[in-house]
N, C-alpha and C. Protein backbone atom coordinates (compact mmCIF):
# COMPACT_ATOMS: atom_id res chain seq x y z
N MET A 1 31.48 10.47 111.39
CA MET A 1 30.05 10.32 111.26
C MET A 1 29.39 11.62 111.74
N GLU A 2 28.53 12.15 110.91
CA GLU A 2 27.79 13.37 111.26
C GLU A 2 26.37 12.98 111.64
N TYR A 3 25.77 13.78 112.54
CA TYR A 3 24.35 13.58 112.78
C TYR A 3 23.66 14.92 112.97
N TYR A 4 22.39 14.92 112.63
CA TYR A 4 21.60 16.15 112.64
C TYR A 4 20.31 15.90 113.40
N GLU A 5 20.01 16.79 114.31
CA GLU A 5 18.74 16.75 115.05
C GLU A 5 17.67 17.40 114.18
N ILE A 6 16.54 16.71 114.06
CA ILE A 6 15.37 17.30 113.42
C ILE A 6 14.26 17.29 114.47
N SER A 7 13.14 17.88 114.18
CA SER A 7 12.11 18.08 115.20
C SER A 7 11.59 16.78 115.81
N PHE A 8 11.72 15.66 115.13
CA PHE A 8 11.14 14.41 115.62
C PHE A 8 12.15 13.29 115.80
N GLY A 9 13.45 13.59 115.65
CA GLY A 9 14.45 12.54 115.80
C GLY A 9 15.81 13.01 115.34
N LYS A 10 16.58 12.07 114.82
CA LYS A 10 17.90 12.44 114.31
C LYS A 10 18.22 11.67 113.03
N ILE A 11 19.06 12.30 112.24
CA ILE A 11 19.56 11.71 111.00
C ILE A 11 21.07 11.57 111.17
N ILE A 12 21.56 10.36 110.93
CA ILE A 12 22.98 10.08 111.04
C ILE A 12 23.51 9.79 109.63
N ILE A 13 24.52 10.51 109.22
CA ILE A 13 25.14 10.28 107.91
C ILE A 13 26.19 9.18 108.09
N LEU A 14 25.92 8.01 107.54
CA LEU A 14 26.82 6.86 107.69
C LEU A 14 27.89 6.83 106.61
N ARG A 15 27.51 7.25 105.41
CA ARG A 15 28.43 7.33 104.26
C ARG A 15 27.95 8.47 103.38
N ASN A 16 28.69 8.73 102.30
CA ASN A 16 28.27 9.81 101.40
C ASN A 16 27.03 9.45 100.59
N ASP A 17 26.54 8.21 100.73
CA ASP A 17 25.33 7.78 100.02
C ASP A 17 24.36 7.02 100.93
N LEU A 18 24.52 7.19 102.26
CA LEU A 18 23.69 6.43 103.20
C LEU A 18 23.45 7.21 104.49
N ALA A 19 22.18 7.28 104.87
CA ALA A 19 21.80 7.92 106.14
C ALA A 19 20.93 6.97 106.94
N GLU A 20 21.00 7.15 108.25
CA GLU A 20 20.14 6.41 109.17
C GLU A 20 19.24 7.40 109.86
N VAL A 21 17.98 7.05 110.04
CA VAL A 21 17.05 7.92 110.76
C VAL A 21 16.49 7.15 111.95
N ILE A 22 16.47 7.84 113.09
CA ILE A 22 15.91 7.29 114.32
C ILE A 22 14.88 8.30 114.83
N VAL A 23 13.64 7.87 114.89
CA VAL A 23 12.53 8.72 115.33
C VAL A 23 12.43 8.62 116.86
N ASN A 24 12.18 9.76 117.50
CA ASN A 24 12.05 9.80 118.95
C ASN A 24 10.83 9.03 119.43
N GLU A 25 10.89 8.56 120.65
CA GLU A 25 9.80 7.84 121.30
C GLU A 25 8.55 8.71 121.37
N GLY A 26 7.39 8.10 121.02
CA GLY A 26 6.11 8.74 121.20
C GLY A 26 5.69 9.78 120.17
N VAL A 27 6.49 9.99 119.15
CA VAL A 27 6.20 11.00 118.12
C VAL A 27 5.08 10.51 117.21
N GLU A 28 4.27 11.45 116.72
CA GLU A 28 3.32 11.16 115.64
C GLU A 28 3.79 11.97 114.43
N ILE A 29 4.29 11.28 113.43
CA ILE A 29 4.86 11.94 112.25
C ILE A 29 3.73 12.41 111.34
N ASP A 30 3.81 13.69 110.93
CA ASP A 30 2.85 14.27 110.00
C ASP A 30 3.58 14.74 108.74
N THR A 31 2.85 15.30 107.80
CA THR A 31 3.45 15.70 106.52
C THR A 31 4.45 16.84 106.67
N VAL A 32 4.25 17.72 107.64
CA VAL A 32 5.22 18.80 107.88
C VAL A 32 6.56 18.20 108.29
N MET A 33 6.52 17.17 109.12
CA MET A 33 7.75 16.50 109.56
C MET A 33 8.43 15.76 108.40
N VAL A 34 7.63 15.14 107.55
CA VAL A 34 8.21 14.45 106.39
C VAL A 34 8.89 15.45 105.47
N THR A 35 8.28 16.61 105.27
CA THR A 35 8.90 17.66 104.45
C THR A 35 10.21 18.11 105.07
N GLU A 36 10.22 18.32 106.38
CA GLU A 36 11.45 18.69 107.09
C GLU A 36 12.53 17.62 106.89
N PHE A 37 12.16 16.37 107.02
CA PHE A 37 13.06 15.22 106.85
C PHE A 37 13.63 15.20 105.43
N HIS A 38 12.77 15.33 104.44
CA HIS A 38 13.21 15.33 103.04
C HIS A 38 14.15 16.51 102.77
N GLN A 39 13.82 17.68 103.29
CA GLN A 39 14.69 18.85 103.07
C GLN A 39 16.07 18.65 103.70
N CYS A 40 16.11 18.06 104.87
CA CYS A 40 17.39 17.79 105.52
C CYS A 40 18.22 16.82 104.67
N LEU A 41 17.58 15.78 104.17
CA LEU A 41 18.30 14.82 103.32
C LEU A 41 18.84 15.48 102.06
N LEU A 42 18.01 16.29 101.41
CA LEU A 42 18.44 16.97 100.18
C LEU A 42 19.56 17.97 100.44
N THR A 43 19.62 18.51 101.62
CA THR A 43 20.70 19.42 101.99
C THR A 43 22.04 18.69 102.09
N HIS A 44 22.01 17.43 102.50
CA HIS A 44 23.25 16.70 102.78
C HIS A 44 23.64 15.68 101.71
N PHE A 45 22.77 15.43 100.76
CA PHE A 45 23.09 14.48 99.69
C PHE A 45 22.88 15.14 98.33
N ALA A 46 23.98 15.29 97.60
CA ALA A 46 23.91 15.92 96.28
C ALA A 46 23.43 14.92 95.23
N ASN A 47 23.72 13.65 95.45
CA ASN A 47 23.37 12.60 94.48
C ASN A 47 22.40 11.61 95.13
N SER A 48 22.23 10.48 94.49
CA SER A 48 21.33 9.46 95.03
C SER A 48 21.87 8.91 96.35
N PHE A 49 20.96 8.39 97.16
CA PHE A 49 21.34 7.87 98.48
C PHE A 49 20.33 6.82 98.91
N SER A 50 20.68 6.11 99.97
CA SER A 50 19.80 5.11 100.57
C SER A 50 19.58 5.45 102.03
N LEU A 51 18.54 4.85 102.62
CA LEU A 51 18.18 5.13 104.00
C LEU A 51 18.04 3.86 104.81
N LEU A 52 18.51 3.93 106.05
CA LEU A 52 18.25 2.91 107.05
C LEU A 52 17.31 3.54 108.07
N ILE A 53 16.11 3.00 108.17
CA ILE A 53 15.14 3.46 109.16
C ILE A 53 15.27 2.52 110.36
N THR A 54 15.70 3.05 111.49
CA THR A 54 15.90 2.23 112.68
C THR A 54 14.73 2.43 113.63
N LYS A 55 13.91 1.39 113.76
CA LYS A 55 12.68 1.46 114.56
C LYS A 55 12.90 0.91 115.97
N VAL A 56 13.75 1.60 116.73
CA VAL A 56 14.01 1.17 118.10
C VAL A 56 13.05 1.84 119.08
N ASN A 57 12.37 2.89 118.65
CA ASN A 57 11.40 3.59 119.49
C ASN A 57 9.99 3.38 118.95
N SER A 58 9.02 3.55 119.81
CA SER A 58 7.63 3.42 119.42
C SER A 58 7.12 4.79 118.97
N TYR A 59 6.57 4.86 117.76
CA TYR A 59 6.03 6.10 117.21
C TYR A 59 4.97 5.75 116.20
N SER A 60 4.21 6.74 115.78
CA SER A 60 3.17 6.51 114.77
C SER A 60 3.35 7.50 113.63
N THR A 61 2.73 7.18 112.52
CA THR A 61 2.81 8.03 111.34
C THR A 61 1.41 8.18 110.76
N LYS A 62 1.00 9.42 110.54
CA LYS A 62 -0.30 9.67 109.91
C LYS A 62 -0.29 9.11 108.49
N PHE A 63 -1.45 8.69 108.01
CA PHE A 63 -1.55 8.05 106.71
C PHE A 63 -0.97 8.91 105.59
N ASP A 64 -1.35 10.20 105.54
CA ASP A 64 -0.85 11.05 104.46
C ASP A 64 0.66 11.24 104.54
N ALA A 65 1.22 11.18 105.74
CA ALA A 65 2.68 11.26 105.89
C ALA A 65 3.34 9.98 105.39
N MET A 66 2.70 8.83 105.63
CA MET A 66 3.22 7.55 105.11
C MET A 66 3.28 7.56 103.60
N VAL A 67 2.26 8.10 102.98
CA VAL A 67 2.20 8.16 101.52
C VAL A 67 3.32 9.05 100.99
N GLN A 68 3.60 10.14 101.68
CA GLN A 68 4.62 11.11 101.25
C GLN A 68 6.05 10.62 101.52
N CYS A 69 6.22 9.84 102.55
CA CYS A 69 7.56 9.42 102.97
C CYS A 69 8.21 8.53 101.91
N GLY A 70 9.43 8.85 101.57
CA GLY A 70 10.18 8.04 100.62
C GLY A 70 9.91 8.37 99.17
N THR A 71 9.32 9.51 98.88
CA THR A 71 8.99 9.85 97.50
C THR A 71 10.06 10.68 96.81
N LEU A 72 11.18 10.90 97.46
CA LEU A 72 12.26 11.67 96.84
C LEU A 72 12.86 10.90 95.66
N ALA A 73 13.05 11.59 94.56
CA ALA A 73 13.62 10.95 93.35
C ALA A 73 15.04 10.44 93.61
N GLN A 74 15.77 11.07 94.51
CA GLN A 74 17.16 10.71 94.79
C GLN A 74 17.28 9.45 95.67
N LEU A 75 16.18 9.00 96.23
CA LEU A 75 16.20 7.85 97.13
C LEU A 75 16.26 6.55 96.33
N GLU A 76 17.32 5.78 96.53
CA GLU A 76 17.49 4.51 95.82
C GLU A 76 16.84 3.35 96.56
N LYS A 77 17.20 3.17 97.83
CA LYS A 77 16.72 2.03 98.62
C LYS A 77 16.43 2.48 100.04
N MET A 78 15.52 1.72 100.68
CA MET A 78 15.25 1.92 102.09
C MET A 78 15.25 0.56 102.77
N ALA A 79 15.98 0.47 103.86
CA ALA A 79 15.95 -0.73 104.70
C ALA A 79 15.37 -0.29 106.04
N VAL A 80 14.51 -1.12 106.58
CA VAL A 80 13.94 -0.85 107.89
C VAL A 80 14.50 -1.89 108.86
N PHE A 81 15.18 -1.42 109.90
CA PHE A 81 15.66 -2.30 110.96
C PHE A 81 14.58 -2.30 112.03
N ALA A 82 13.87 -3.43 112.13
CA ALA A 82 12.77 -3.58 113.07
C ALA A 82 13.12 -4.71 114.05
N PRO A 83 13.75 -4.37 115.18
CA PRO A 83 14.27 -5.40 116.07
C PRO A 83 13.22 -6.13 116.91
N SER A 84 12.00 -5.61 116.99
CA SER A 84 10.97 -6.26 117.79
C SER A 84 9.77 -6.64 116.93
N ARG A 85 8.92 -7.48 117.49
CA ARG A 85 7.69 -7.89 116.78
C ARG A 85 6.81 -6.68 116.51
N LYS A 86 6.66 -5.80 117.49
CA LYS A 86 5.84 -4.60 117.34
C LYS A 86 6.40 -3.70 116.24
N ALA A 87 7.71 -3.51 116.22
CA ALA A 87 8.34 -2.69 115.18
C ALA A 87 8.13 -3.31 113.81
N ARG A 88 8.21 -4.63 113.73
CA ARG A 88 8.01 -5.33 112.46
C ARG A 88 6.58 -5.15 111.94
N LEU A 89 5.60 -5.24 112.84
CA LEU A 89 4.20 -5.05 112.45
C LEU A 89 3.98 -3.64 111.90
N GLY A 90 4.54 -2.63 112.58
CA GLY A 90 4.42 -1.25 112.10
C GLY A 90 5.08 -1.05 110.75
N ALA A 91 6.24 -1.67 110.58
CA ALA A 91 6.97 -1.56 109.31
C ALA A 91 6.19 -2.25 108.18
N ASP A 92 5.61 -3.41 108.47
CA ASP A 92 4.81 -4.11 107.46
C ASP A 92 3.61 -3.27 107.03
N LEU A 93 2.97 -2.62 107.98
CA LEU A 93 1.83 -1.76 107.67
C LEU A 93 2.26 -0.62 106.75
N ALA A 94 3.34 0.06 107.12
CA ALA A 94 3.82 1.19 106.32
C ALA A 94 4.25 0.75 104.92
N LEU A 95 4.79 -0.44 104.82
CA LEU A 95 5.26 -0.97 103.54
C LEU A 95 4.12 -1.16 102.54
N ASN A 96 2.93 -1.44 103.05
CA ASN A 96 1.79 -1.74 102.18
C ASN A 96 0.93 -0.53 101.84
N VAL A 97 1.36 0.65 102.25
CA VAL A 97 0.63 1.88 101.91
C VAL A 97 0.90 2.23 100.45
N PRO A 98 -0.15 2.49 99.67
CA PRO A 98 0.07 2.89 98.27
C PRO A 98 0.78 4.24 98.19
N ARG A 99 1.76 4.32 97.32
CA ARG A 99 2.53 5.56 97.14
C ARG A 99 2.57 5.92 95.67
N PRO A 100 2.84 7.20 95.39
CA PRO A 100 2.92 7.63 93.99
C PRO A 100 4.17 7.12 93.28
N VAL A 101 5.14 6.62 94.03
CA VAL A 101 6.36 6.05 93.45
C VAL A 101 6.58 4.68 94.05
N GLU A 102 7.24 3.82 93.30
CA GLU A 102 7.56 2.48 93.81
C GLU A 102 8.85 2.55 94.61
N LEU A 103 8.83 1.97 95.80
CA LEU A 103 10.00 1.98 96.67
C LEU A 103 10.72 0.63 96.63
N ASP A 104 12.04 0.68 96.64
CA ASP A 104 12.85 -0.52 96.83
C ASP A 104 13.14 -0.58 98.32
N ILE A 105 12.33 -1.35 99.04
CA ILE A 105 12.38 -1.35 100.50
C ILE A 105 12.28 -2.77 101.04
N GLN A 106 13.07 -3.04 102.07
CA GLN A 106 13.00 -4.33 102.74
C GLN A 106 13.08 -4.12 104.24
N ILE A 107 12.53 -5.09 104.98
CA ILE A 107 12.51 -5.03 106.44
C ILE A 107 13.45 -6.11 106.97
N PHE A 108 14.22 -5.75 107.99
CA PHE A 108 15.20 -6.65 108.58
C PHE A 108 15.07 -6.65 110.10
N THR A 109 15.38 -7.78 110.72
CA THR A 109 15.43 -7.85 112.18
C THR A 109 16.87 -7.74 112.68
N ASP A 110 17.81 -7.71 111.77
CA ASP A 110 19.23 -7.56 112.11
C ASP A 110 19.79 -6.32 111.41
N ARG A 111 20.35 -5.41 112.17
CA ARG A 111 20.85 -4.14 111.61
C ARG A 111 21.98 -4.36 110.60
N GLU A 112 22.88 -5.28 110.91
CA GLU A 112 24.01 -5.54 110.01
C GLU A 112 23.54 -6.10 108.67
N GLU A 113 22.52 -6.93 108.68
CA GLU A 113 21.95 -7.44 107.43
C GLU A 113 21.33 -6.31 106.62
N ALA A 114 20.66 -5.40 107.32
CA ALA A 114 20.05 -4.25 106.64
C ALA A 114 21.14 -3.40 105.98
N LEU A 115 22.21 -3.14 106.71
CA LEU A 115 23.32 -2.34 106.15
C LEU A 115 23.98 -3.05 104.98
N ALA A 116 24.15 -4.37 105.08
CA ALA A 116 24.76 -5.13 103.99
C ALA A 116 23.89 -5.06 102.73
N TRP A 117 22.56 -5.10 102.89
CA TRP A 117 21.65 -5.02 101.75
C TRP A 117 21.73 -3.65 101.09
N LEU A 118 21.88 -2.62 101.91
CA LEU A 118 21.97 -1.27 101.38
C LEU A 118 23.29 -1.05 100.65
């Protein structure tokens, strides 16, 4: 398993078509960070891939960054592992943001269920 530090967290390569992202505590994600995140993913995945977003830390995302997040053409699915009520509320909010592309995304309270879905 490989992992890469980015300015706001880490990306863990779980398989050749699956990555997990964990955002650091207290971060406010902006569009520059989303671009950095997307570039890192494109560097490590030549073909389509899926993402597991693990919301174990408390962080926020600016609206324009929410709109931009997940717009990569190579992204097939996104699962959000939201183990707490607060994490679930944040994930639900982000899920309902209008985006220029339709996302295949689901929220889970169990990490293994999220991985099985992916």
